[in-house]
Amino acid sequence: MELSEALPLVLGSYLAFDAVGRRVRLALGNARGAGERAFRVFHHRALAEERLCAPAETSGPSALRPPHSDRLGPFPPSWARSVWFLRQPPRLGQARDLLLAGAASHAARLARAEDPERLEELFTWAVLIRIWADQLDAASEIAHALGDVVEDPAPAHRLLGWIEARRAEEGRGPEAVARALAHLDRVGEPLLETPAWAAFPAHLALVRRSWLRLELDLLDFRRRLRAVESRHPQSPFVHLLRAHRAAALGDVAQASDHLARALYHGRRDPYFAGPVLGLRGLETLRPALLGQARAVLAESKIDTREAGVLESGPSDRGPIA
């Protein structure tokens, strides 16, 4: 056989062997915990805190309590002090009540006319309420209503991407990831301004990894990871993303190194301790890291307050551009 004939055959065999090897490592990674909830669910409280608008110095009777999510934990602390929880907020009280009643489009038009500068803050708060109450359809209604009345649709796309990401993390399929990434990509460069939001699309790109399009998913992940690294090189989210990639490909030793850095740079945030406990094989490989993660989780305080029930009305909107 001529070299010119043998070369494509050898190259094809090598590529096929390499592709099979990656899928074997993917199966090993899933068996060792890379698909567990601690890796799959993002730090949504950090996302919320990075979008915080400073609450007004106002106090009074509350209209409702911040919801507690079994999936996401306590409501974001800074948002829990928001004036929107008051029975009579200083502004946009009627719009807030309409949002809670499910009339999102009416609330958006009213808020835009009364106080457009606080429109995004109010609607972000309302979406957070629905996300933490696990009412994603109602959250989507609110985000769409915001997009219908603002000139810049980026805030609405950010919220819609967030909602679709929650659907994806709860196992709603790769289509939810694709929708989330499409929305987040439309936000553009502002998404990279803060560490958690910058890392969010890369997290989603890795969550959607599949057997059929593994190479494309990993390529997309690497592209998004480079963007995060260039803006926030010491962010604990960067180290966690690297750990997730290593764990997904079955490399527990490398994943544990990155997890140790994530826990250190995360300043003992319990979110970064969870994946340590979810990764199998650390009992013998890194027992000290495992003990440290257990100590961090033992120190964390969990809010066990029961949330009230929120109801949502039917849709009265059209899709945003």
C-alpha atoms as a PDB file:
ATOM      1  CA  MET A   1       0.000   0.000   0.000  1.00  0.00           C
ATOM      2  CA  GLU A   2       1.320   3.415  -0.934  1.00  0.00           C
ATOM      3  CA  LEU A   3       2.017   5.990   1.767  1.00  0.00           C
ATOM      4  CA  SER A   4      -0.548   8.336   0.233  1.00  0.00           C
ATOM      5  CA  GLU A   5      -3.158   5.601   0.612  1.00  0.00           C
ATOM      6  CA  ALA A   6      -2.108   4.495   4.089  1.00  0.00           C
ATOM      7  CA  LEU A   7      -1.890   7.971   5.625  1.00  0.00           C
ATOM      8  CA  PRO A   8      -5.652   8.749   5.564  1.00  0.00           C
ATOM      9  CA  LEU A   9      -6.377   5.289   6.985  1.00  0.00           C
ATOM     10  CA  VAL A  10      -3.882   5.741   9.836  1.00  0.00           C
ATOM     11  CA  LEU A  11      -5.097   9.252  10.547  1.00  0.00           C
ATOM     12  CA  GLY A  12      -8.732   8.149  10.531  1.00  0.00           C
ATOM     13  CA  SER A  13      -7.946   5.248  12.855  1.00  0.00           C
ATOM     14  CA  TYR A  14      -6.120   7.579  15.237  1.00  0.00           C
ATOM     15  CA  LEU A  15      -8.971  10.066  15.316  1.00  0.00           C
ATOM     16  CA  ALA A  16     -11.533   7.317  15.830  1.00  0.00           C
ATOM     17  CA  PHE A  17      -9.468   5.805  18.655  1.00  0.00           C
ATOM     18  CA  ASP A  18      -9.083   9.237  20.252  1.00  0.00           C
ATOM     19  CA  ALA A  19     -12.834   9.908  20.011  1.00  0.00           C
ATOM     20  CA  VAL A  20     -13.650   6.536  21.567  1.00  0.00           C
ATOM     21  CA  GLY A  21     -11.113   7.198  24.309  1.00  0.00           C
ATOM     22  CA  ARG A  22     -12.741  10.518  25.178  1.00  0.00           C
ATOM     23  CA  ARG A  23     -16.122   8.853  25.482  1.00  0.00           C
ATOM     24  CA  VAL A  24     -14.707   6.133  27.714  1.00  0.00           C
ATOM     25  CA  ARG A  25     -13.229   8.854  29.936  1.00  0.00           C
ATOM     26  CA  LEU A  26     -16.594  10.622  29.882  1.00  0.00           C
ATOM     27  CA  ALA A  27     -18.288   7.475  31.178  1.00  0.00           C
ATOM     28  CA  LEU A  28     -15.629   7.152  33.880  1.00  0.00           C
ATOM     29  CA  GLY A  29     -16.100  10.776  34.831  1.00  0.00           C
ATOM     30  CA  ASN A  30     -19.849  10.363  35.226  1.00  0.00           C
ATOM     31  CA  ALA A  31     -19.284   7.239  37.308  1.00  0.00           C
ATOM     32  CA  ARG A  32     -16.908   9.189  39.553  1.00  0.00           C
ATOM     33  CA  GLY A  33     -19.373  11.977  40.230  1.00  0.00           C
ATOM     34  CA  ALA A  34     -18.890  14.563  37.465  1.00  0.00           C
ATOM     35  CA  GLY A  35     -22.600  14.475  36.696  1.00  0.00           C
ATOM     36  CA  GLU A  36     -23.701  14.958  40.296  1.00  0.00           C
ATOM     37  CA  ARG A  37     -25.816  17.922  41.331  1.00  0.00           C
ATOM     38  CA  ALA A  38     -22.899  19.690  43.041  1.00  0.00           C
ATOM     39  CA  PHE A  39     -21.187  20.031  39.654  1.00  0.00           C
ATOM     40  CA  ARG A  40     -24.330  20.531  37.568  1.00  0.00           C
ATOM     41  CA  VAL A  41     -26.052  23.353  39.491  1.00  0.00           C
ATOM     42  CA  PHE A  42     -24.437  26.782  39.386  1.00  0.00           C
ATOM     43  CA  HIS A  43     -23.976  29.272  42.251  1.00  0.00           C
ATOM     44  CA  HIS A  44     -27.237  31.144  41.690  1.00  0.00           C
ATOM     45  CA  ARG A  45     -26.954  33.187  44.861  1.00  0.00           C
ATOM     46  CA  ALA A  46     -23.687  34.614  43.522  1.00  0.00           C
ATOM     47  CA  LEU A  47     -25.427  35.490  40.259  1.00  0.00           C
ATOM     48  CA  ALA A  48     -28.115  37.297  42.223  1.00  0.00           C
ATOM     49  CA  GLU A  49     -25.651  39.194  44.406  1.00  0.00           C
ATOM     50  CA  GLU A  50     -23.733  40.403  41.368  1.00  0.00           C
ATOM     51  CA  ARG A  51     -26.940  41.916  39.989  1.00  0.00           C
ATOM     52  CA  LEU A  52     -27.857  43.658  43.234  1.00  0.00           C
ATOM     53  CA  CYS A  53     -29.260  47.176  43.164  1.00  0.00           C
ATOM     54  CA  ALA A  54     -28.618  48.777  46.561  1.00  0.00           C
ATOM     55  CA  PRO A  55     -31.781  48.527  48.706  1.00  0.00           C
ATOM     56  CA  ALA A  56     -33.298  51.744  50.044  1.00  0.00           C
ATOM     57  CA  GLU A  57     -33.031  52.524  53.745  1.00  0.00           C
ATOM     58  CA  THR A  58     -36.687  51.787  54.449  1.00  0.00           C
ATOM     59  CA  SER A  59     -38.424  49.563  56.948  1.00  0.00           C
ATOM     60  CA  GLY A  60     -41.997  48.533  57.655  1.00  0.00           C
ATOM     61  CA  PRO A  61     -44.386  45.571  57.621  1.00  0.00           C
ATOM     62  CA  SER A  62     -43.614  42.876  55.060  1.00  0.00           C
ATOM     63  CA  ALA A  63     -45.981  41.767  52.326  1.00  0.00           C
ATOM     64  CA  LEU A  64     -44.367  38.332  52.014  1.00  0.00           C
ATOM     65  CA  ARG A  65     -41.305  36.439  53.153  1.00  0.00           C
ATOM     66  CA  PRO A  66     -38.350  35.581  50.930  1.00  0.00           C
ATOM     67  CA  PRO A  67     -38.872  32.031  49.620  1.00  0.00           C
ATOM     68  CA  HIS A  68     -36.507  29.229  50.547  1.00  0.00           C
ATOM     69  CA  SER A  69     -35.536  26.772  47.822  1.00  0.00           C
ATOM     70  CA  ASP A  70     -34.710  23.156  48.580  1.00  0.00           C
ATOM     71  CA  ARG A  71     -32.610  23.220  45.404  1.00  0.00           C
ATOM     72  CA  LEU A  72     -30.860  26.606  45.738  1.00  0.00           C
ATOM     73  CA  GLY A  73     -30.930  27.202  49.484  1.00  0.00           C
ATOM     74  CA  PRO A  74     -31.757  30.493  51.218  1.00  0.00           C
ATOM     75  CA  PHE A  75     -32.862  33.511  49.229  1.00  0.00           C
ATOM     76  CA  PRO A  76     -29.879  35.777  48.318  1.00  0.00           C
ATOM     77  CA  PRO A  77     -29.185  37.723  51.542  1.00  0.00           C
ATOM     78  CA  SER A  78     -28.867  41.195  50.041  1.00  0.00           C
ATOM     79  CA  TRP A  79     -32.014  40.795  47.955  1.00  0.00           C
ATOM     80  CA  ALA A  80     -33.846  39.494  51.035  1.00  0.00           C
ATOM     81  CA  ARG A  81     -33.563  43.031  52.458  1.00  0.00           C
ATOM     82  CA  SER A  82     -35.096  44.580  49.354  1.00  0.00           C
ATOM     83  CA  VAL A  83     -37.828  47.190  49.713  1.00  0.00           C
ATOM     84  CA  TRP A  84     -39.950  45.106  47.330  1.00  0.00           C
ATOM     85  CA  PHE A  85     -40.800  42.771  50.211  1.00  0.00           C
ATOM     86  CA  LEU A  86     -42.464  45.625  52.134  1.00  0.00           C
ATOM     87  CA  ARG A  87     -46.228  45.892  52.300  1.00  0.00           C
ATOM     88  CA  GLN A  88     -45.935  49.444  51.000  1.00  0.00           C
ATOM     89  CA  PRO A  89     -42.703  49.981  49.020  1.00  0.00           C
ATOM     90  CA  PRO A  90     -41.769  53.660  48.557  1.00  0.00           C
ATOM     91  CA  ARG A  91     -42.239  53.410  44.772  1.00  0.00           C
ATOM     92  CA  LEU A  92     -43.943  51.118  42.264  1.00  0.00           C
ATOM     93  CA  GLY A  93     -46.130  49.437  44.884  1.00  0.00           C
ATOM     94  CA  GLN A  94     -48.973  48.816  42.449  1.00  0.00           C
ATOM     95  CA  ALA A  95     -46.604  47.397  39.814  1.00  0.00           C
ATOM     96  CA  ARG A  96     -45.060  45.112  42.443  1.00  0.00           C
ATOM     97  CA  ASP A  97     -48.491  43.835  43.467  1.00  0.00           C
ATOM     98  CA  LEU A  98     -49.422  43.198  39.840  1.00  0.00           C
ATOM     99  CA  LEU A  99     -46.229  41.174  39.381  1.00  0.00           C
ATOM    100  CA  LEU A 100     -47.048  39.048  42.410  1.00  0.00           C
ATOM    101  CA  ALA A 101     -50.585  38.557  41.054  1.00  0.00           C
ATOM    102  CA  GLY A 102     -49.264  37.323  37.697  1.00  0.00           C
ATOM    103  CA  ALA A 103     -50.115  40.375  35.562  1.00  0.00           C
ATOM    104  CA  ALA A 104     -46.570  40.934  34.357  1.00  0.00           C
ATOM    105  CA  SER A 105     -47.307  42.848  31.151  1.00  0.00           C
ATOM    106  CA  HIS A 106     -49.624  45.293  32.924  1.00  0.00           C
ATOM    107  CA  ALA A 107     -47.015  45.747  35.675  1.00  0.00           C
ATOM    108  CA  ALA A 108     -44.292  46.457  33.112  1.00  0.00           C
ATOM    109  CA  ARG A 109     -46.280  49.179  31.372  1.00  0.00           C
ATOM    110  CA  LEU A 110     -47.202  50.781  34.686  1.00  0.00           C
ATOM    111  CA  ALA A 111     -43.644  50.681  36.036  1.00  0.00           C
ATOM    112  CA  ARG A 112     -42.184  52.121  32.837  1.00  0.00           C
ATOM    113  CA  ALA A 113     -44.548  55.092  33.061  1.00  0.00           C
ATOM    114  CA  GLU A 114     -44.034  55.688  36.788  1.00  0.00           C
ATOM    115  CA  ASP A 115     -40.334  55.000  37.465  1.00  0.00           C
ATOM    116  CA  PRO A 116     -38.378  53.538  34.514  1.00  0.00           C
ATOM    117  CA  GLU A 117     -35.055  53.772  36.373  1.00  0.00           C
ATOM    118  CA  ARG A 118     -36.148  51.085  38.859  1.00  0.00           C
ATOM    119  CA  LEU A 119     -37.897  48.901  36.310  1.00  0.00           C
ATOM    120  CA  GLU A 120     -35.032  46.433  35.904  1.00  0.00           C
ATOM    121  CA  GLU A 121     -34.473  46.162  39.657  1.00  0.00           C
ATOM    122  CA  LEU A 122     -38.126  45.378  40.338  1.00  0.00           C
ATOM    123  CA  PHE A 123     -38.362  42.800  37.572  1.00  0.00           C
ATOM    124  CA  THR A 124     -35.083  41.149  38.557  1.00  0.00           C
ATOM    125  CA  TRP A 125     -36.414  40.828  42.099  1.00  0.00           C
ATOM    126  CA  ALA A 126     -39.666  39.352  40.800  1.00  0.00           C
ATOM    127  CA  VAL A 127     -37.804  36.815  38.667  1.00  0.00           C
ATOM    128  CA  LEU A 128     -35.652  35.851  41.659  1.00  0.00           C
ATOM    129  CA  ILE A 129     -38.790  35.281  43.725  1.00  0.00           C
ATOM    130  CA  ARG A 130     -40.134  32.891  41.091  1.00  0.00           C
ATOM    131  CA  ILE A 131     -36.795  31.104  40.577  1.00  0.00           C
ATOM    132  CA  TRP A 132     -36.425  30.494  44.311  1.00  0.00           C
ATOM    133  CA  ALA A 133     -40.048  29.343  44.468  1.00  0.00           C
ATOM    134  CA  ASP A 134     -39.293  26.950  41.545  1.00  0.00           C
ATOM    135  CA  GLN A 135     -41.930  28.623  39.367  1.00  0.00           C
ATOM    136  CA  LEU A 136     -39.949  28.959  36.164  1.00  0.00           C
ATOM    137  CA  ASP A 137     -42.888  29.470  33.824  1.00  0.00           C
ATOM    138  CA  ALA A 138     -44.015  32.470  35.872  1.00  0.00           C
ATOM    139  CA  ALA A 139     -40.436  33.766  35.923  1.00  0.00           C
ATOM    140  CA  SER A 140     -40.328  33.524  32.141  1.00  0.00           C
ATOM    141  CA  GLU A 141     -43.533  35.561  31.873  1.00  0.00           C
ATOM    142  CA  ILE A 142     -41.961  38.331  33.954  1.00  0.00           C
ATOM    143  CA  ALA A 143     -38.737  38.387  31.931  1.00  0.00           C
ATOM    144  CA  HIS A 144     -40.632  38.517  28.639  1.00  0.00           C
ATOM    145  CA  ALA A 145     -42.800  41.356  29.957  1.00  0.00           C
ATOM    146  CA  LEU A 146     -39.652  43.316  30.809  1.00  0.00           C
ATOM    147  CA  GLY A 147     -38.294  42.751  27.288  1.00  0.00           C
ATOM    148  CA  ASP A 148     -41.524  44.074  25.790  1.00  0.00           C
ATOM    149  CA  VAL A 149     -41.173  47.546  27.358  1.00  0.00           C
ATOM    150  CA  VAL A 150     -37.427  48.332  27.489  1.00  0.00           C
ATOM    151  CA  GLU A 151     -35.381  49.723  24.613  1.00  0.00           C
ATOM    152  CA  ASP A 152     -32.357  47.555  25.418  1.00  0.00           C
ATOM    153  CA  PRO A 153     -33.429  43.883  25.559  1.00  0.00           C
ATOM    154  CA  ALA A 154     -30.160  42.752  27.215  1.00  0.00           C
ATOM    155  CA  PRO A 155     -31.578  42.701  30.788  1.00  0.00           C
ATOM    156  CA  ALA A 156     -34.497  40.553  29.627  1.00  0.00           C
ATOM    157  CA  HIS A 157     -32.165  38.183  27.781  1.00  0.00           C
ATOM    158  CA  ARG A 158     -30.008  37.883  30.900  1.00  0.00           C
ATOM    159  CA  LEU A 159     -33.045  36.891  32.958  1.00  0.00           C
ATOM    160  CA  LEU A 160     -34.366  34.510  30.296  1.00  0.00           C
ATOM    161  CA  GLY A 161     -30.952  32.869  30.023  1.00  0.00           C
ATOM    162  CA  TRP A 162     -30.955  32.442  33.791  1.00  0.00           C
ATOM    163  CA  ILE A 163     -34.393  30.826  33.753  1.00  0.00           C
ATOM    164  CA  GLU A 164     -33.522  28.448  30.914  1.00  0.00           C
ATOM    165  CA  ALA A 165     -30.322  27.522  32.746  1.00  0.00           C
ATOM    166  CA  ARG A 166     -32.371  26.470  35.745  1.00  0.00           C
ATOM    167  CA  ARG A 167     -34.495  24.308  33.469  1.00  0.00           C
ATOM    168  CA  ALA A 168     -31.343  22.756  32.026  1.00  0.00           C
ATOM    169  CA  GLU A 169     -29.859  22.081  35.462  1.00  0.00           C
ATOM    170  CA  GLU A 170     -33.038  20.283  36.467  1.00  0.00           C
ATOM    171  CA  GLY A 171     -32.685  17.889  33.548  1.00  0.00           C
ATOM    172  CA  ARG A 172     -34.988  19.517  30.980  1.00  0.00           C
ATOM    173  CA  GLY A 173     -32.653  18.500  28.139  1.00  0.00           C
ATOM    174  CA  PRO A 174     -29.950  20.035  25.925  1.00  0.00           C
ATOM    175  CA  GLU A 175     -32.536  22.265  24.247  1.00  0.00           C
ATOM    176  CA  ALA A 176     -32.827  24.273  27.481  1.00  0.00           C
ATOM    177  CA  VAL A 177     -29.043  24.754  27.526  1.00  0.00           C
ATOM    178  CA  ALA A 178     -29.087  25.903  23.916  1.00  0.00           C
ATOM    179  CA  ARG A 179     -31.822  28.429  24.687  1.00  0.00           C
ATOM    180  CA  ALA A 180     -29.975  29.660  27.778  1.00  0.00           C
ATOM    181  CA  LEU A 181     -26.731  30.174  25.869  1.00  0.00           C
ATOM    182  CA  ALA A 182     -28.536  31.919  23.014  1.00  0.00           C
ATOM    183  CA  HIS A 183     -30.028  34.422  25.469  1.00  0.00           C
ATOM    184  CA  LEU A 184     -26.772  34.954  27.355  1.00  0.00           C
ATOM    185  CA  ASP A 185     -24.781  35.420  24.154  1.00  0.00           C
ATOM    186  CA  ARG A 186     -27.148  38.242  23.214  1.00  0.00           C
ATOM    187  CA  VAL A 187     -26.159  40.087  26.400  1.00  0.00           C
ATOM    188  CA  GLY A 188     -22.628  40.314  24.984  1.00  0.00           C
ATOM    189  CA  GLU A 189     -19.577  41.830  26.647  1.00  0.00           C
ATOM    190  CA  PRO A 190     -21.363  43.085  29.819  1.00  0.00           C
ATOM    191  CA  LEU A 191     -21.795  39.462  30.858  1.00  0.00           C
ATOM    192  CA  LEU A 192     -18.031  39.252  31.489  1.00  0.00           C
ATOM    193  CA  GLU A 193     -17.954  42.167  33.930  1.00  0.00           C
ATOM    194  CA  THR A 194     -18.451  40.063  37.076  1.00  0.00           C
ATOM    195  CA  PRO A 195     -16.916  36.653  37.954  1.00  0.00           C
ATOM    196  CA  ALA A 196     -20.039  34.498  38.409  1.00  0.00           C
ATOM    197  CA  TRP A 197     -21.866  35.793  35.340  1.00  0.00           C
ATOM    198  CA  ALA A 198     -18.701  35.499  33.250  1.00  0.00           C
ATOM    199  CA  ALA A 199     -18.368  31.829  34.232  1.00  0.00           C
ATOM    200  CA  PHE A 200     -22.059  31.001  33.812  1.00  0.00           C
ATOM    201  CA  PRO A 201     -22.059  30.300  30.012  1.00  0.00           C
ATOM    202  CA  ALA A 202     -18.941  28.111  30.284  1.00  0.00           C
ATOM    203  CA  HIS A 203     -20.641  26.136  33.049  1.00  0.00           C
ATOM    204  CA  LEU A 204     -23.667  25.589  30.817  1.00  0.00           C
ATOM    205  CA  ALA A 205     -21.518  24.563  27.855  1.00  0.00           C
ATOM    206  CA  LEU A 206     -19.999  21.822  29.993  1.00  0.00           C
ATOM    207  CA  VAL A 207     -23.334  20.768  31.502  1.00  0.00           C
ATOM    208  CA  ARG A 208     -24.688  19.983  28.022  1.00  0.00           C
ATOM    209  CA  ARG A 209     -21.817  17.627  27.086  1.00  0.00           C
ATOM    210  CA  SER A 210     -23.127  14.610  25.248  1.00  0.00           C
ATOM    211  CA  TRP A 211     -21.814  11.494  23.576  1.00  0.00           C
ATOM    212  CA  LEU A 212     -22.773  12.551  20.077  1.00  0.00           C
ATOM    213  CA  ARG A 213     -21.315  16.077  20.043  1.00  0.00           C
ATOM    214  CA  LEU A 214     -18.678  15.810  22.766  1.00  0.00           C
ATOM    215  CA  GLU A 215     -15.881  17.390  20.717  1.00  0.00           C
ATOM    216  CA  LEU A 216     -18.052  20.387  19.792  1.00  0.00           C
ATOM    217  CA  ASP A 217     -19.171  20.823  23.396  1.00  0.00           C
ATOM    218  CA  LEU A 218     -15.601  20.728  24.699  1.00  0.00           C
ATOM    219  CA  LEU A 219     -14.469  23.164  22.008  1.00  0.00           C
ATOM    220  CA  ASP A 220     -17.262  25.578  22.937  1.00  0.00           C
ATOM    221  CA  PHE A 221     -16.377  25.179  26.617  1.00  0.00           C
ATOM    222  CA  ARG A 222     -12.694  25.968  26.000  1.00  0.00           C
ATOM    223  CA  ARG A 223     -13.615  29.107  24.062  1.00  0.00           C
ATOM    224  CA  ARG A 224     -15.868  30.335  26.836  1.00  0.00           C
ATOM    225  CA  LEU A 225     -13.374  29.393  29.560  1.00  0.00           C
ATOM    226  CA  ARG A 226     -10.637  31.456  27.882  1.00  0.00           C
ATOM    227  CA  ALA A 227     -12.928  34.493  27.963  1.00  0.00           C
ATOM    228  CA  VAL A 228     -13.457  34.055  31.708  1.00  0.00           C
ATOM    229  CA  GLU A 229      -9.766  33.453  32.402  1.00  0.00           C
ATOM    230  CA  SER A 230      -8.792  36.636  30.594  1.00  0.00           C
ATOM    231  CA  ARG A 231     -11.104  38.768  32.766  1.00  0.00           C
ATOM    232  CA  HIS A 232     -11.083  36.970  36.133  1.00  0.00           C
ATOM    233  CA  PRO A 233      -7.975  34.751  36.288  1.00  0.00           C
ATOM    234  CA  GLN A 234      -8.101  34.162  40.066  1.00  0.00           C
ATOM    235  CA  SER A 235     -11.845  33.697  40.337  1.00  0.00           C
ATOM    236  CA  PRO A 236     -12.858  30.521  42.192  1.00  0.00           C
ATOM    237  CA  PHE A 237     -15.310  29.912  39.350  1.00  0.00           C
ATOM    238  CA  VAL A 238     -12.388  29.538  36.929  1.00  0.00           C
ATOM    239  CA  HIS A 239     -10.842  26.863  39.132  1.00  0.00           C
ATOM    240  CA  LEU A 240     -14.199  25.133  39.519  1.00  0.00           C
ATOM    241  CA  LEU A 241     -14.731  25.107  35.751  1.00  0.00           C
ATOM    242  CA  ARG A 242     -11.317  23.514  35.284  1.00  0.00           C
ATOM    243  CA  ALA A 243     -12.166  20.965  37.976  1.00  0.00           C
ATOM    244  CA  HIS A 244     -15.461  20.149  36.304  1.00  0.00           C
ATOM    245  CA  ARG A 245     -13.778  19.609  32.945  1.00  0.00           C
ATOM    246  CA  ALA A 246     -11.138  17.330  34.484  1.00  0.00           C
ATOM    247  CA  ALA A 247     -13.775  15.393  36.433  1.00  0.00           C
ATOM    248  CA  ALA A 248     -15.953  15.048  33.337  1.00  0.00           C
ATOM    249  CA  LEU A 249     -13.043  13.384  31.550  1.00  0.00           C
ATOM    250  CA  GLY A 250     -12.336  11.040  34.450  1.00  0.00           C
ATOM    251  CA  ASP A 251      -9.196  12.720  35.831  1.00  0.00           C
ATOM    252  CA  VAL A 252      -9.921  12.779  39.570  1.00  0.00           C
ATOM    253  CA  ALA A 253      -6.368  13.797  40.529  1.00  0.00           C
ATOM    254  CA  GLN A 254      -6.370  16.889  38.331  1.00  0.00           C
ATOM    255  CA  ALA A 255      -9.934  17.737  39.348  1.00  0.00           C
ATOM    256  CA  SER A 256      -8.974  17.584  43.027  1.00  0.00           C
ATOM    257  CA  ASP A 257      -6.118  20.052  42.479  1.00  0.00           C
ATOM    258  CA  HIS A 258      -8.478  22.549  40.874  1.00  0.00           C
ATOM    259  CA  LEU A 259     -11.117  21.968  43.553  1.00  0.00           C
ATOM    260  CA  ALA A 260      -8.574  22.761  46.259  1.00  0.00           C
ATOM    261  CA  ARG A 261      -7.816  26.076  44.533  1.00  0.00           C
ATOM    262  CA  ALA A 262     -11.532  26.830  44.107  1.00  0.00           C
ATOM    263  CA  LEU A 263     -12.170  26.223  47.804  1.00  0.00           C
ATOM    264  CA  TYR A 264      -9.210  28.439  48.755  1.00  0.00           C
ATOM    265  CA  HIS A 265     -10.081  31.339  46.431  1.00  0.00           C
ATOM    266  CA  GLY A 266     -13.767  30.944  47.280  1.00  0.00           C
ATOM    267  CA  ARG A 267     -12.975  31.890  50.882  1.00  0.00           C
ATOM    268  CA  ARG A 268     -14.637  28.797  52.290  1.00  0.00           C
ATOM    269  CA  ASP A 269     -17.925  29.398  50.504  1.00  0.00           C
ATOM    270  CA  PRO A 270     -19.842  26.113  50.990  1.00  0.00           C
ATOM    271  CA  TYR A 271     -20.807  26.118  47.306  1.00  0.00           C
ATOM    272  CA  PHE A 272     -17.212  25.256  46.381  1.00  0.00           C
ATOM    273  CA  ALA A 273     -17.088  22.494  48.992  1.00  0.00           C
ATOM    274  CA  GLY A 274     -20.016  20.572  47.538  1.00  0.00           C
ATOM    275  CA  PRO A 275     -18.216  19.224  44.432  1.00  0.00           C
ATOM    276  CA  VAL A 276     -15.391  17.924  46.647  1.00  0.00           C
ATOM    277  CA  LEU A 277     -17.845  15.646  48.428  1.00  0.00           C
ATOM    278  CA  GLY A 278     -19.448  14.658  45.142  1.00  0.00           C
ATOM    279  CA  LEU A 279     -16.191  13.452  43.564  1.00  0.00           C
ATOM    280  CA  ARG A 280     -15.502   9.781  44.242  1.00  0.00           C
ATOM    281  CA  GLY A 281     -11.960   8.618  44.934  1.00  0.00           C
ATOM    282  CA  LEU A 282     -10.777  11.471  47.145  1.00  0.00           C
ATOM    283  CA  GLU A 283     -10.920   9.317  50.277  1.00  0.00           C
ATOM    284  CA  THR A 284      -7.504   7.887  49.414  1.00  0.00           C
ATOM    285  CA  LEU A 285      -6.237  10.511  46.978  1.00  0.00           C
ATOM    286  CA  ARG A 286      -6.886  13.748  48.941  1.00  0.00           C
ATOM    287  CA  PRO A 287      -8.311  12.931  52.399  1.00  0.00           C
ATOM    288  CA  ALA A 288      -7.211  16.327  53.766  1.00  0.00           C
ATOM    289  CA  LEU A 289      -9.186  18.168  51.072  1.00  0.00           C
ATOM    290  CA  LEU A 290     -12.202  15.997  51.799  1.00  0.00           C
ATOM    291  CA  GLY A 291     -11.955  16.830  55.494  1.00  0.00           C
ATOM    292  CA  GLN A 292     -11.633  20.527  54.750  1.00  0.00           C
ATOM    293  CA  ALA A 293     -14.734  20.483  52.553  1.00  0.00           C
ATOM    294  CA  ARG A 294     -16.720  18.672  55.234  1.00  0.00           C
ATOM    295  CA  ALA A 295     -15.652  21.250  57.793  1.00  0.00           C
ATOM    296  CA  VAL A 296     -16.736  24.121  55.524  1.00  0.00           C
ATOM    297  CA  LEU A 297     -20.159  22.569  54.978  1.00  0.00           C
ATOM    298  CA  ALA A 298     -20.533  21.881  58.701  1.00  0.00           C
ATOM    299  CA  GLU A 299     -19.851  25.563  59.433  1.00  0.00           C
ATOM    300  CA  SER A 300     -22.446  26.819  56.967  1.00  0.00           C
ATOM    301  CA  LYS A 301     -25.826  27.825  58.302  1.00  0.00           C
ATOM    302  CA  ILE A 302     -28.920  26.715  56.410  1.00  0.00           C
ATOM    303  CA  ASP A 303     -32.080  28.794  56.363  1.00  0.00           C
ATOM    304  CA  THR A 304     -35.006  26.479  57.061  1.00  0.00           C
ATOM    305  CA  ARG A 305     -37.846  28.996  56.913  1.00  0.00           C
ATOM    306  CA  GLU A 306     -40.886  27.827  54.996  1.00  0.00           C
ATOM    307  CA  ALA A 307     -41.853  29.886  51.974  1.00  0.00           C
ATOM    308  CA  GLY A 308     -45.314  31.127  51.132  1.00  0.00           C
ATOM    309  CA  VAL A 309     -47.055  29.995  47.978  1.00  0.00           C
ATOM    310  CA  LEU A 310     -47.025  32.299  44.968  1.00  0.00           C
ATOM    311  CA  GLU A 311     -49.623  32.089  42.258  1.00  0.00           C
ATOM    312  CA  SER A 312     -49.281  33.164  38.641  1.00  0.00           C
ATOM    313  CA  GLY A 313     -51.896  34.184  36.104  1.00  0.00           C
ATOM    314  CA  PRO A 314     -52.060  33.234  32.412  1.00  0.00           C
ATOM    315  CA  SER A 315     -49.771  34.620  29.754  1.00  0.00           C
ATOM    316  CA  ASP A 316     -50.621  37.896  28.036  1.00  0.00           C
ATOM    317  CA  ARG A 317     -47.426  38.601  26.145  1.00  0.00           C
ATOM    318  CA  GLY A 318     -45.715  37.969  22.841  1.00  0.00           C
ATOM    319  CA  PRO A 319     -42.073  36.925  22.350  1.00  0.00           C
ATOM    320  CA  ILE A 320     -39.387  39.616  22.632  1.00  0.00           C
ATOM    321  CA  ALA A 321     -37.164  40.368  19.681  1.00  0.00           C
END
